[in-house]
Amino acid sequence: MKGGFVPDCYTLTFVEVAKLEFYMSLFPKRSGRRQTEWGGQKTLCGYDVWYADISPFIDDLEVIENAKILVDAFYPQNMRTFFGGHYYCFITREYLLNLLLYYYESKKCFPVGNICIVDNWVWRVDAYPTIEGSMISRFWKFLKRRDSFNPGHWMTIPALEDAKKNASLKISSAK
């Protein structure tokens, strides 16, 4: 770097920007993080692989893949880039993946049925690592009583067998 000048997309040529995009990933693999490869997108320089962070202490790759199949079934990846739609969709899917994995860690199965994602919950729920897995704790948040409520975002989690069957049908119809 000379004279404190930091080049950006406005000072670089198209080739330089394309090379820069090759090194920048939307959801990169980060050392020291528990992650799973999950989707990606085409770029000018090839394919950008996305990595989802995993918080629960689950090392069983089959369980992680099954959780990803479930999320793919009830909340598929949106690739529209309008206002960052692909980004917000992925971080929502990453949140749902971790939610399913925390459930699996405590119940040894996946949930089936309706789930609602809300923006303001009265509990703060934290997870702390232990030898046996995660310890979940709940604390009240001090929130002012609301005059109105938001409807939340409702989704239906299918049974794992149904999600796998639908995934295999999509793969076979794509061939």
Protein backbone atom coordinates (compact mmCIF):
# COMPACT_ATOMS: atom_id res chain seq x y z
CA MET A 1 0.00 0.00 0.00
CA LYS A 2 1.55 3.32 -1.08
CA GLY A 3 0.74 6.60 0.60
CA GLY A 4 -2.24 5.17 2.48
CA PHE A 5 -4.25 4.74 -0.74
CA VAL A 6 -6.76 1.90 -0.49
CA PRO A 7 -8.09 0.78 -3.89
CA ASP A 8 -11.80 -0.08 -4.14
CA CYS A 9 -14.21 -1.20 -6.83
CA TYR A 10 -14.35 2.33 -8.25
CA THR A 11 -10.57 2.57 -8.82
CA LEU A 12 -9.98 -0.97 -10.12
CA THR A 13 -10.36 -2.26 -13.67
CA PHE A 14 -13.00 -4.90 -14.51
CA VAL A 15 -10.32 -7.62 -14.53
CA GLU A 16 -9.02 -6.51 -11.13
CA VAL A 17 -12.56 -6.48 -9.70
CA ALA A 18 -13.16 -10.00 -11.09
CA LYS A 19 -9.94 -11.19 -9.41
CA LEU A 20 -11.01 -9.49 -6.17
CA GLU A 21 -14.39 -11.30 -6.30
CA PHE A 22 -12.52 -14.60 -6.57
CA TYR A 23 -10.97 -14.00 -3.15
CA MET A 24 -14.10 -12.59 -1.52
CA SER A 25 -16.82 -15.04 -0.60
CA LEU A 26 -20.28 -14.20 0.71
CA PHE A 27 -20.16 -17.02 3.28
CA PRO A 28 -16.50 -18.14 3.40
CA LYS A 29 -14.89 -21.07 5.15
CA ARG A 30 -13.41 -19.70 8.36
CA SER A 31 -10.75 -21.43 10.39
CA GLY A 32 -11.74 -22.33 13.93
CA ARG A 33 -15.47 -22.44 13.06
CA ARG A 34 -17.70 -25.50 12.87
CA GLN A 35 -19.12 -25.23 9.35
CA THR A 36 -20.81 -27.24 6.64
CA GLU A 37 -20.66 -26.62 2.90
CA TRP A 38 -24.14 -25.59 1.75
CA GLY A 39 -24.87 -24.19 -1.66
CA GLY A 40 -23.29 -21.26 -3.41
CA GLN A 41 -23.54 -19.17 -6.53
CA LYS A 42 -21.88 -18.66 -9.90
CA THR A 43 -19.47 -15.74 -10.08
CA LEU A 44 -17.39 -14.21 -12.85
CA CYS A 45 -14.49 -16.45 -11.80
CA GLY A 46 -16.30 -19.75 -11.26
CA TYR A 47 -18.40 -20.95 -8.36
CA ASP A 48 -18.51 -19.43 -4.85
CA VAL A 49 -19.12 -22.18 -2.27
CA TRP A 50 -21.06 -21.05 0.82
CA TYR A 51 -20.43 -22.39 4.33
CA ALA A 52 -23.02 -22.36 7.11
CA ASP A 53 -21.84 -21.97 10.69
CA ILE A 54 -22.93 -24.69 13.11
CA SER A 55 -23.23 -23.90 16.82
CA PRO A 56 -24.50 -27.17 18.40
CA PHE A 57 -21.81 -29.74 19.17
CA ILE A 58 -22.94 -32.36 16.67
CA ASP A 59 -20.22 -34.16 14.74
CA ASP A 60 -22.47 -36.73 13.05
CA LEU A 61 -22.33 -35.72 9.38
CA GLU A 62 -25.47 -37.70 8.57
CA VAL A 63 -27.46 -35.72 11.16
CA ILE A 64 -26.13 -32.44 9.74
CA GLU A 65 -26.97 -33.50 6.17
CA ASN A 66 -30.47 -34.58 7.24
CA ALA A 67 -31.03 -31.19 8.90
CA LYS A 68 -29.93 -29.49 5.66
CA ILE A 69 -32.37 -31.66 3.67
CA LEU A 70 -35.18 -30.59 6.01
CA VAL A 71 -34.36 -26.89 5.68
CA ASP A 72 -34.07 -27.27 1.90
CA ALA A 73 -37.56 -28.80 1.92
CA PHE A 74 -39.39 -26.12 3.92
CA TYR A 75 -37.26 -23.03 3.25
CA PRO A 76 -35.44 -23.35 -0.09
CA GLN A 77 -32.62 -20.97 -1.02
CA ASN A 78 -33.78 -17.84 -2.84
CA MET A 79 -31.17 -16.71 -5.37
CA ARG A 80 -32.69 -13.31 -6.16
CA THR A 81 -30.19 -10.61 -5.40
CA PHE A 82 -32.74 -7.77 -5.18
CA PHE A 83 -31.98 -6.00 -1.88
CA GLY A 84 -29.71 -8.90 -0.90
CA GLY A 85 -32.47 -11.54 -1.03
CA HIS A 86 -29.98 -14.40 -1.45
CA TYR A 87 -27.98 -13.19 1.57
CA TYR A 88 -30.97 -12.81 3.91
CA CYS A 89 -32.40 -16.12 2.74
CA PHE A 90 -29.11 -17.92 3.48
CA ILE A 91 -28.70 -16.48 6.98
CA THR A 92 -32.33 -17.42 7.73
CA ARG A 93 -31.61 -20.96 6.51
CA GLU A 94 -28.43 -21.03 8.62
CA TYR A 95 -30.51 -20.01 11.66
CA LEU A 96 -33.11 -22.72 10.91
CA LEU A 97 -30.34 -25.32 10.45
CA ASN A 98 -28.94 -24.50 13.89
CA LEU A 99 -32.43 -24.50 15.41
CA LEU A 100 -33.03 -28.03 14.07
CA LEU A 101 -29.61 -29.20 15.24
CA TYR A 102 -30.17 -27.86 18.77
CA TYR A 103 -33.51 -29.68 18.82
CA TYR A 104 -31.84 -32.87 17.60
CA GLU A 105 -29.08 -32.53 20.20
CA SER A 106 -31.61 -32.44 23.04
CA LYS A 107 -34.33 -34.81 21.71
CA LYS A 108 -32.33 -37.17 19.43
CA CYS A 109 -34.88 -36.64 16.63
CA PHE A 110 -36.00 -33.87 14.30
CA PRO A 111 -39.19 -31.87 14.90
CA VAL A 112 -42.18 -32.25 12.58
CA GLY A 113 -44.94 -29.70 12.22
CA ASN A 114 -45.41 -25.96 12.36
CA ILE A 115 -42.80 -23.48 13.52
CA CYS A 116 -43.05 -19.72 13.85
CA ILE A 117 -40.09 -17.37 13.66
CA VAL A 118 -40.69 -14.14 15.56
CA ASP A 119 -38.69 -10.93 15.76
CA ASN A 120 -39.06 -10.15 19.45
CA TRP A 121 -39.29 -12.94 22.00
CA VAL A 122 -39.64 -12.45 25.77
CA TRP A 123 -36.91 -14.98 26.59
CA ARG A 124 -33.20 -14.81 25.96
CA VAL A 125 -32.13 -18.39 25.27
CA ASP A 126 -28.43 -19.20 25.43
CA ALA A 127 -26.45 -22.39 24.87
CA TYR A 128 -23.27 -23.24 26.75
CA PRO A 129 -20.97 -26.12 25.79
CA THR A 130 -20.64 -29.00 28.23
CA ILE A 131 -19.12 -32.47 28.03
CA GLU A 132 -22.55 -33.99 27.27
CA GLY A 133 -23.51 -31.38 24.64
CA SER A 134 -25.11 -27.95 25.05
CA MET A 135 -26.70 -26.65 28.22
CA ILE A 136 -29.66 -24.43 27.38
CA SER A 137 -30.63 -21.61 29.70
CA ARG A 138 -33.54 -19.18 29.52
CA PHE A 139 -33.69 -15.69 30.98
CA TRP A 140 -36.47 -13.13 30.86
CA LYS A 141 -35.80 -10.10 28.70
CA PHE A 142 -37.12 -6.87 30.13
CA LEU A 143 -39.46 -5.74 27.40
CA LYS A 144 -42.10 -3.09 27.47
CA ARG A 145 -45.62 -4.48 27.04
CA ARG A 146 -46.63 -4.13 23.41
CA ASP A 147 -49.75 -2.47 22.05
CA SER A 148 -49.79 -4.68 18.96
CA PHE A 149 -48.14 -7.88 17.81
CA ASN A 150 -46.59 -9.10 14.58
CA PRO A 151 -47.84 -12.33 13.01
CA GLY A 152 -44.42 -13.99 12.75
CA HIS A 153 -43.37 -16.18 9.87
CA TRP A 154 -44.98 -19.64 9.92
CA MET A 155 -43.40 -22.65 8.24
CA THR A 156 -44.16 -26.36 8.24
CA ILE A 157 -41.32 -28.79 8.87
CA PRO A 158 -41.99 -32.04 7.00
CA ALA A 159 -41.04 -35.49 8.24
CA LEU A 160 -37.47 -36.37 7.25
CA GLU A 161 -38.66 -39.27 5.06
CA ASP A 162 -40.99 -36.94 3.11
CA ALA A 163 -38.23 -34.35 2.67
CA LYS A 164 -35.82 -37.01 1.37
CA LYS A 165 -38.46 -38.37 -1.01
CA ASN A 166 -39.18 -34.87 -2.38
CA ALA A 167 -35.44 -34.15 -2.72
CA SER A 168 -34.89 -37.36 -4.70
CA LEU A 169 -37.87 -36.50 -6.95
CA LYS A 170 -36.37 -33.06 -7.67
CA ILE A 171 -32.99 -34.62 -8.51
CA SER A 172 -34.50 -37.24 -10.82
CA SER A 173 -36.69 -34.67 -12.61
CA ALA A 174 -33.67 -32.39 -13.14
CA LYS A 175 -31.79 -35.12 -15.06
